[in-house]
Protein backbone atom coordinates (compact mmCIF):
# COMPACT_ATOMS: atom_id res chain seq x y z
CA MET A 1 20.45 42.66 -12.60
CA LEU A 2 19.90 40.40 -9.59
CA ALA A 3 16.91 38.70 -11.21
CA SER A 4 19.16 37.49 -14.02
CA LEU A 5 21.51 35.85 -11.50
CA ILE A 6 18.88 33.74 -9.70
CA TYR A 7 16.65 31.14 -11.31
CA ASP A 8 13.59 31.13 -9.07
CA TRP A 9 11.88 27.73 -9.04
CA ASN A 10 9.36 29.14 -6.58
CA LYS A 11 7.67 30.94 -9.45
CA ILE A 12 6.94 27.68 -11.27
CA GLY A 13 3.26 26.99 -10.62
CA ALA A 14 3.03 29.77 -8.04
CA PRO A 15 -0.50 31.03 -7.35
CA ALA A 16 -1.64 34.49 -8.35
CA ARG A 17 -1.56 37.20 -5.72
CA PRO A 18 -4.72 36.79 -3.59
CA PRO A 19 -7.25 39.62 -3.86
CA CYS A 20 -7.20 40.22 -0.10
CA VAL A 21 -4.74 39.23 2.62
CA MET A 22 -5.24 40.70 6.08
CA LEU A 23 -3.41 39.95 9.30
CA ASP A 24 -4.72 39.63 12.85
CA ASP A 25 -2.18 39.90 15.67
CA GLU A 26 -2.84 37.63 18.66
CA THR A 27 0.25 38.59 20.68
CA LEU A 28 -1.65 40.45 23.42
CA ARG A 29 -4.25 37.71 23.97
CA ASP A 30 -3.56 34.21 22.70
CA GLY A 31 0.17 34.89 22.81
CA LEU A 32 0.00 35.53 26.55
CA GLN A 33 -1.54 32.09 27.16
CA SER A 34 1.90 30.54 26.90
CA PRO A 35 2.77 28.90 30.22
CA SER A 36 6.29 30.35 29.98
CA VAL A 37 5.67 34.02 29.21
CA ARG A 38 5.65 36.89 31.66
CA THR A 39 2.53 39.04 31.42
CA PRO A 40 3.53 42.50 30.17
CA THR A 41 2.71 45.65 32.10
CA ILE A 42 0.12 47.92 30.53
CA ALA A 43 2.92 50.25 29.43
CA GLN A 44 4.63 47.34 27.68
CA LYS A 45 1.34 46.28 26.08
CA ILE A 46 0.89 49.80 24.72
CA LYS A 47 4.41 49.73 23.27
CA ILE A 48 3.70 46.38 21.59
CA LEU A 49 0.42 47.73 20.23
CA HIS A 50 2.29 50.66 18.65
CA CYS A 51 4.72 48.18 17.06
CA ILE A 52 1.79 46.22 15.65
CA ASP A 53 0.37 49.42 14.16
CA GLN A 54 3.74 50.47 12.69
CA LEU A 55 3.95 47.15 10.83
CA GLY A 56 0.63 47.79 9.12
CA ILE A 57 -1.04 44.77 10.71
CA ASP A 58 -4.77 45.10 10.08
CA THR A 59 -6.31 43.98 13.38
CA ALA A 60 -5.13 43.11 16.88
CA ASP A 61 -6.75 41.02 19.58
CA ILE A 62 -6.36 43.24 22.65
CA GLY A 63 -7.64 40.77 25.24
CA LEU A 64 -10.51 38.77 26.70
CA PRO A 65 -12.30 41.21 29.03
CA GLY A 66 -14.67 38.49 30.20
CA ALA A 67 -11.71 36.92 32.03
CA GLY A 68 -11.99 39.48 34.84
CA PRO A 69 -11.76 43.16 35.85
CA HIS A 70 -7.94 43.29 35.56
CA VAL A 71 -8.06 42.16 31.93
CA ALA A 72 -11.02 44.41 31.12
CA GLN A 73 -9.09 47.38 32.54
CA ASP A 74 -6.12 46.70 30.25
CA VAL A 75 -8.39 46.17 27.24
CA GLU A 76 -10.05 49.53 27.84
CA ARG A 77 -6.68 51.26 28.21
CA LEU A 78 -5.49 49.74 24.92
CA ALA A 79 -8.71 50.73 23.19
CA ARG A 80 -8.27 54.31 24.37
CA GLU A 81 -4.66 54.30 23.12
CA ILE A 82 -5.86 53.33 19.64
CA VAL A 83 -8.31 56.25 19.69
CA VAL A 84 -5.97 58.86 21.18
CA SER A 85 -2.99 57.90 18.99
CA LYS A 86 -5.21 57.63 15.89
CA MET A 87 -3.83 54.21 15.06
CA LYS A 88 -4.86 52.48 11.87
CA VAL A 89 -4.95 49.03 13.46
CA ARG A 90 -8.47 47.86 14.28
CA ALA A 91 -9.29 46.09 17.54
CA ASN A 92 -10.96 42.83 18.35
CA CYS A 93 -11.49 40.97 21.60
CA ALA A 94 -11.90 37.30 22.33
CA ALA A 95 -15.01 36.06 24.08
CA ARG A 96 -16.51 32.75 24.92
CA THR A 97 -19.77 32.40 23.02
CA THR A 98 -21.82 33.71 25.92
CA ILE A 99 -23.61 36.95 26.61
CA ASN A 100 -21.63 37.44 29.83
CA ASP A 101 -18.33 37.53 27.90
CA ILE A 102 -19.65 39.78 25.15
CA ARG A 103 -21.27 42.38 27.42
CA PRO A 104 -17.93 43.80 28.70
CA ILE A 105 -16.78 44.30 25.10
CA ALA A 106 -19.95 46.23 24.32
CA GLU A 107 -19.44 48.38 27.41
CA ILE A 108 -15.80 49.16 26.52
CA THR A 109 -16.87 50.10 23.00
CA GLN A 110 -19.52 52.45 24.40
CA ARG A 111 -17.09 54.11 26.84
CA THR A 112 -14.22 54.55 24.39
CA GLY A 113 -16.06 55.03 21.12
CA LEU A 114 -13.80 52.42 19.48
CA PRO A 115 -15.54 49.77 17.38
CA ILE A 116 -14.34 46.38 18.67
CA GLU A 117 -14.91 43.16 16.77
CA VAL A 118 -15.99 40.22 18.92
CA GLY A 119 -14.08 36.98 18.37
CA ALA A 120 -16.66 34.60 19.83
CA PHE A 121 -15.15 31.12 20.19
CA ILE A 122 -16.74 27.76 20.89
CA GLY A 123 -15.51 24.17 20.65
CA SER A 124 -16.62 22.25 17.58
CA SER A 125 -14.89 18.86 17.39
CA PRO A 126 -16.46 15.57 18.52
CA ILE A 127 -13.66 15.04 21.02
CA ARG A 128 -14.40 18.40 22.67
CA GLN A 129 -18.14 17.74 22.68
CA TYR A 130 -17.67 14.30 24.26
CA THR A 131 -15.18 15.55 26.86
CA GLU A 132 -17.23 18.61 27.85
CA GLY A 133 -20.61 16.90 27.71
CA TRP A 134 -21.90 19.32 25.09
CA THR A 135 -24.67 18.56 22.62
CA LEU A 136 -24.93 20.04 19.14
CA ASP A 137 -28.26 21.61 20.13
CA TRP A 138 -26.54 23.38 23.02
CA LEU A 139 -23.75 24.64 20.73
CA LEU A 140 -26.27 25.97 18.24
CA ARG A 141 -28.39 27.62 20.92
CA SER A 142 -25.35 29.27 22.53
CA THR A 143 -24.13 30.46 19.13
CA ASP A 144 -27.45 31.99 18.16
CA GLN A 145 -28.05 33.76 21.47
CA ALA A 146 -24.54 35.18 21.83
CA ILE A 147 -24.18 36.46 18.26
CA ARG A 148 -27.64 38.02 18.20
CA PHE A 149 -26.83 39.82 21.44
CA ALA A 150 -23.54 41.14 20.02
CA VAL A 151 -25.18 42.31 16.81
CA ALA A 152 -27.95 44.04 18.78
CA GLU A 153 -25.19 45.88 20.67
CA GLY A 154 -23.77 47.11 17.36
CA LEU A 155 -20.72 44.82 17.40
CA ASP A 156 -19.23 42.99 14.44
CA VAL A 157 -18.73 39.30 15.13
CA MET A 158 -16.04 36.85 14.04
CA TYR A 159 -17.35 33.40 14.94
CA VAL A 160 -14.49 31.09 15.92
CA THR A 161 -14.90 27.32 15.89
CA GLU A 162 -12.19 25.87 18.12
CA ASP A 163 -10.55 22.65 16.93
CA THR A 164 -12.05 23.15 13.47
CA THR A 165 -9.46 20.89 11.86
CA ARG A 166 -10.73 17.89 13.82
CA ALA A 167 -14.46 18.69 13.50
CA ASP A 168 -16.83 16.83 11.17
CA PRO A 169 -18.32 18.62 8.16
CA GLU A 170 -21.96 18.31 9.22
CA THR A 171 -21.34 19.90 12.62
CA LEU A 172 -19.32 22.71 11.06
CA ARG A 173 -22.00 23.32 8.45
CA GLN A 174 -24.72 23.65 11.05
CA LEU A 175 -22.60 25.91 13.28
CA TYR A 176 -21.58 28.20 10.42
CA GLU A 177 -25.09 28.43 9.04
CA CYS A 178 -26.39 29.29 12.51
CA ALA A 179 -23.69 31.92 13.09
CA ILE A 180 -24.13 33.56 9.70
CA ARG A 181 -27.91 33.70 10.03
CA ALA A 182 -27.48 35.27 13.47
CA GLY A 183 -25.33 38.01 11.92
CA ALA A 184 -21.65 36.95 12.08
CA LYS A 185 -19.57 38.83 9.50
CA ARG A 186 -16.59 36.48 9.60
CA ILE A 187 -15.97 32.86 10.51
CA CYS A 188 -12.64 31.73 11.87
CA LEU A 189 -11.24 28.25 11.38
CA ALA A 190 -9.00 27.46 14.34
CA ASP A 191 -6.33 24.78 14.17
CA THR A 192 -6.36 24.84 17.95
CA VAL A 193 -4.02 21.92 18.58
CA GLY A 194 -1.87 22.30 15.46
CA HIS A 195 -3.35 19.19 13.86
CA ALA A 196 -3.55 20.43 10.27
CA THR A 197 -1.32 19.74 7.30
CA PRO A 198 -1.22 22.20 4.38
CA TRP A 199 -3.70 20.14 2.37
CA GLY A 200 -5.94 19.74 5.43
CA ALA A 201 -5.92 23.50 6.00
CA ALA A 202 -6.83 24.12 2.38
CA ALA A 203 -9.60 21.52 2.46
CA VAL A 204 -11.38 22.94 5.49
CA VAL A 205 -11.11 26.52 4.16
CA ARG A 206 -12.62 25.43 0.83
CA PHE A 207 -15.39 23.64 2.73
CA ALA A 208 -16.20 26.77 4.75
CA GLY A 209 -16.20 28.81 1.56
CA GLN A 210 -18.74 26.45 0.04
CA VAL A 211 -21.02 26.77 3.08
CA ILE A 212 -20.89 30.56 2.69
CA ARG A 213 -21.64 30.35 -1.03
CA ASP A 214 -24.54 27.95 -0.41
CA LEU A 215 -26.07 30.57 1.89
CA GLY A 216 -25.41 33.38 -0.60
CA ALA A 217 -23.71 35.29 2.20
CA ASP A 218 -20.94 37.88 2.15
CA VAL A 219 -18.81 36.56 5.01
CA GLY A 220 -15.03 36.54 5.38
CA ILE A 221 -12.90 33.57 6.41
CA ASP A 222 -10.12 33.70 9.01
CA TRP A 223 -7.43 31.09 9.69
CA HIS A 224 -5.94 30.71 13.18
CA GLY A 225 -3.02 28.29 13.31
CA HIS A 226 -0.82 26.71 15.97
CA ARG A 227 2.72 25.34 15.79
CA ASP A 228 2.45 21.84 17.28
CA ARG A 229 3.68 20.17 14.07
CA ASP A 230 5.72 23.22 13.03
CA LEU A 231 3.49 23.68 9.99
CA ALA A 232 1.86 26.92 11.06
CA ILE A 233 3.32 29.21 8.39
CA ILE A 234 2.78 26.90 5.44
CA ASN A 235 -0.71 26.12 6.73
CA SER A 236 -1.48 29.84 6.82
CA ILE A 237 -0.25 30.24 3.26
CA SER A 238 -2.32 27.24 2.15
CA ALA A 239 -5.37 28.73 3.87
CA ILE A 240 -4.87 31.99 1.99
CA GLU A 241 -4.56 30.18 -1.32
CA ALA A 242 -7.79 28.30 -0.54
CA GLY A 243 -9.75 31.49 0.18
CA ALA A 244 -9.03 32.75 3.70
CA SER A 245 -8.79 36.54 3.65
CA ARG A 246 -7.32 37.03 7.14
CA VAL A 247 -4.74 34.94 8.97
CA HIS A 248 -3.65 35.14 12.59
CA GLY A 249 -0.27 35.09 14.31
CA ALA A 250 1.68 36.22 17.35
CA ALA A 251 5.13 37.76 17.68
CA LEU A 252 7.84 35.11 17.93
CA GLY A 253 5.10 32.47 17.73
CA ILE A 254 4.29 32.76 21.44
CA GLY A 255 1.09 31.19 22.71
CA GLU A 256 -0.54 28.09 24.16
CA ARG A 257 1.80 25.05 24.37
CA VAL A 258 4.43 25.65 21.64
CA GLY A 259 2.59 28.68 20.31
CA ASN A 260 0.80 30.38 17.45
CA THR A 261 1.86 31.07 13.89
CA PRO A 262 4.88 33.42 14.15
CA MET A 263 3.57 36.75 12.92
CA ASP A 264 7.09 38.02 12.17
CA LEU A 265 8.01 35.14 9.86
CA LEU A 266 4.53 35.09 8.33
CA LEU A 267 4.95 38.76 7.43
CA VAL A 268 8.37 38.14 5.88
CA ASN A 269 7.14 35.22 3.78
CA LEU A 270 4.03 37.02 2.57
CA VAL A 271 6.10 40.05 1.54
CA VAL A 272 8.79 37.98 -0.21
CA MET A 273 6.09 35.96 -2.01
CA GLY A 274 4.44 39.16 -3.20
CA PHE A 275 1.14 38.43 -1.41
CA ILE A 276 1.31 41.72 0.53
CA GLU A 277 3.36 44.91 0.63
CA ARG A 278 4.67 46.14 3.98
CA ASP A 279 7.58 48.11 5.36
CA LEU A 280 9.30 45.52 7.54
CA THR A 281 12.02 47.74 8.97
CA PRO A 282 10.04 47.98 12.28
CA LEU A 283 10.02 44.16 12.57
CA MET A 284 13.09 43.94 14.81
CA ALA A 285 11.66 46.49 17.25
CA TYR A 286 8.37 44.55 17.39
CA CYS A 287 10.08 41.26 18.18
CA GLU A 288 12.49 42.81 20.66
CA ALA A 289 9.64 44.58 22.47
CA VAL A 290 7.74 41.32 22.88
CA SER A 291 10.89 39.40 23.82
CA HIS A 292 11.67 41.90 26.58
CA ALA A 293 8.12 42.34 27.87
CA CYS A 294 7.28 38.64 27.91
CA ALA A 295 10.73 37.35 28.96
CA VAL A 296 10.95 35.21 25.82
CA PRO A 297 14.55 34.92 24.57
CA ILE A 298 15.04 35.06 20.80
CA PRO A 299 17.17 32.03 19.80
CA ASP A 300 20.38 32.98 17.98
CA ASN A 301 19.35 30.82 15.00
CA TYR A 302 15.77 32.15 14.80
CA PRO A 303 15.13 32.97 11.11
CA VAL A 304 15.40 36.62 10.04
CA ILE A 305 15.25 37.99 13.61
CA GLY A 306 17.85 35.89 15.43
CA LYS A 307 21.40 37.06 16.08
CA ASP A 308 22.83 34.62 13.51
CA ALA A 309 20.29 35.17 10.74
CA PHE A 310 22.64 37.31 8.62
CA ARG A 311 25.92 36.40 10.28
CA THR A 312 28.55 33.99 8.98
CA ALA A 313 32.00 32.92 10.10
CA THR A 314 32.51 30.21 7.47
CA GLY A 315 35.35 30.90 5.05
CA VAL A 316 33.63 30.09 1.74
CA HIS A 317 30.39 31.89 2.64
CA ALA A 318 32.17 34.93 4.01
CA ALA A 319 34.43 35.17 0.97
CA ALA A 320 31.42 35.35 -1.34
CA VAL A 321 29.73 38.02 0.79
CA ALA A 322 32.95 40.04 0.91
CA LYS A 323 33.40 39.84 -2.87
CA ALA A 324 29.83 41.07 -3.35
CA TRP A 325 30.54 43.96 -0.96
CA ARG A 326 33.66 44.92 -2.92
CA LYS A 327 31.54 45.13 -6.07
CA GLY A 328 29.63 47.88 -4.30
CA ASP A 329 26.32 46.03 -4.73
CA ARG A 330 24.19 45.85 -1.57
CA GLU A 331 21.55 43.69 -3.25
CA LEU A 332 24.18 41.20 -4.37
CA MET A 333 25.70 41.14 -0.90
CA ASP A 334 22.27 40.46 0.58
CA ALA A 335 21.45 37.67 -1.85
CA VAL A 336 24.63 35.68 -2.51
CA TYR A 337 24.26 33.61 0.67
CA SER A 338 20.78 34.58 1.88
CA SER A 339 17.24 34.03 0.61
CA ILE A 340 15.93 36.96 2.67
CA PRO A 341 17.57 40.36 2.15
CA ALA A 342 18.91 41.64 5.47
CA SER A 343 17.95 45.15 4.38
CA LEU A 344 14.28 44.05 4.21
CA VAL A 345 14.17 44.16 8.00
CA GLY A 346 16.71 46.93 8.51
CA ARG A 347 19.67 44.64 9.13
CA LYS A 348 22.95 43.98 7.31
CA GLN A 349 25.21 41.05 6.55
CA GLN A 350 27.86 40.36 9.18
CA ILE A 351 31.11 38.47 8.77
CA GLU A 352 32.72 37.11 11.91
CA VAL A 353 36.07 35.44 12.54
CA GLY A 354 36.18 31.95 14.03
CA PRO A 355 37.71 28.47 13.72
CA MET A 356 35.89 27.81 10.40
CA SER A 357 36.99 31.14 8.89
CA GLY A 358 39.47 31.87 6.14
CA LYS A 359 41.81 34.85 5.96
CA SER A 360 39.20 36.65 3.88
CA ASN A 361 37.03 36.84 7.03
CA VAL A 362 39.86 38.55 8.88
CA VAL A 363 40.54 41.00 6.07
CA PHE A 364 36.86 41.89 5.72
CA TRP A 365 36.42 42.35 9.49
CA LEU A 366 39.43 44.63 9.71
CA GLU A 367 38.29 46.67 6.70
CA GLN A 368 34.79 47.05 8.16
CA HIS A 369 36.26 48.32 11.41
CA GLY A 370 38.63 50.78 9.72
CA ILE A 371 41.79 48.97 10.82
CA PRO A 372 44.81 49.19 8.47
CA LEU A 373 45.72 45.84 6.91
CA SER A 374 49.09 44.19 7.29
CA ASP A 375 50.19 40.59 6.90
CA PRO A 376 51.39 40.25 10.54
CA VAL A 377 48.08 41.53 11.90
CA VAL A 378 46.02 39.29 9.63
CA ASP A 379 48.19 36.30 10.51
CA ARG A 380 47.90 36.90 14.27
CA VAL A 381 44.11 37.21 14.18
CA PHE A 382 43.81 34.20 11.87
CA ALA A 383 46.00 32.08 14.15
CA LYS A 384 43.94 33.10 17.19
CA ALA A 385 40.74 32.13 15.38
CA LYS A 386 42.06 28.68 14.47
CA GLN A 387 42.91 28.05 18.12
CA SER A 388 39.48 29.12 19.34
CA ALA A 389 36.42 26.93 19.88
CA THR A 390 34.08 29.83 19.16
CA VAL A 391 33.79 32.98 17.07
CA LEU A 392 36.18 35.64 18.34
CA THR A 393 34.77 38.61 20.18
CA GLU A 394 35.66 42.14 19.13
CA ALA A 395 37.87 42.44 22.22
CA GLU A 396 39.78 39.27 21.31
CA ILE A 397 40.41 40.47 17.76
CA LEU A 398 41.55 43.91 18.89
CA ALA A 399 43.89 42.33 21.42
CA GLU A 400 45.67 40.57 18.54
CA VAL A 401 45.63 43.68 16.35
CA TYR A 402 47.33 45.86 18.95
CA ARG A 403 49.57 43.24 20.49
């Protein structure tokens, strides 16, 4: 019935469901590069890893062991947790495109028995080359040596070109050809500084796809986006439409500067669009675990996850939600003033009472809390709300009820 009540313009010209959409969670590596986050304890990292697995996320970056013994120790502990708990999520680790960074990953794989994909990254843009004093020959030589070493150690390699969206086509072509010939199974296009627009993201993914086809190779494409222009989610969707088969994100969008693509909102959009199927009822626990462990507050108005996402105190909006509730239709209640069903993430619509409320808010609130209705009670609560500068707390409402 609901479909007959909503005309969905989003379906006009919508692309077909992509043949493959995978997700790579960067919360435990790139996400922790944020200058404002608190580094989680290993127990907290394990809890977050379980949340990632419960959401059906395909792969997770569990750290950069080349950064030092303390990181390598956590990476090994997380790898062992995946094995012992028989998680479905697969592991990868970041590494600079050097043998010294890749060797610890090989050693952890050997000790734990867990296959770990290497995410070998290297700068690719002219501005990085000029600043660092790199030559293209050096980039190619480093790429070839590092990937061949990883492959010889039995590791799958995702070759990551940093700052891909500001790199020139000829450099990218040579780097990708070198990496693929050395044995890389995936290439990752990184929008490292959040430079891309949706059409730019699509263009560079199509270009990478053409390089792969020209080589006759069977290599997957990843997209790794950042939020600097607040285009990370739409860029990820554009990358998928253009041929990327795996996209990256981090819980609550945490990460370097203003962060990575928000994995939580990416998941919601991909499910609502029909690109993937996932049970999103564990999404709140995932976000809350990261918020607590990393000391990152969730803004009240954060979409889907925030306190106010399914909460209204406005008279007209609340009246419509209440009428839908009285029809006994949960789907209708979820949809009349919301584009995302609260039930999708295990939440429900909430009606509050505040200065913008009508009496219908008061009536609904009292009914929901099992309080008998009477005109004097409704009038007292309504009068209190109109005098308030904020939404009334439960204690304030009850004080008027039992006055």
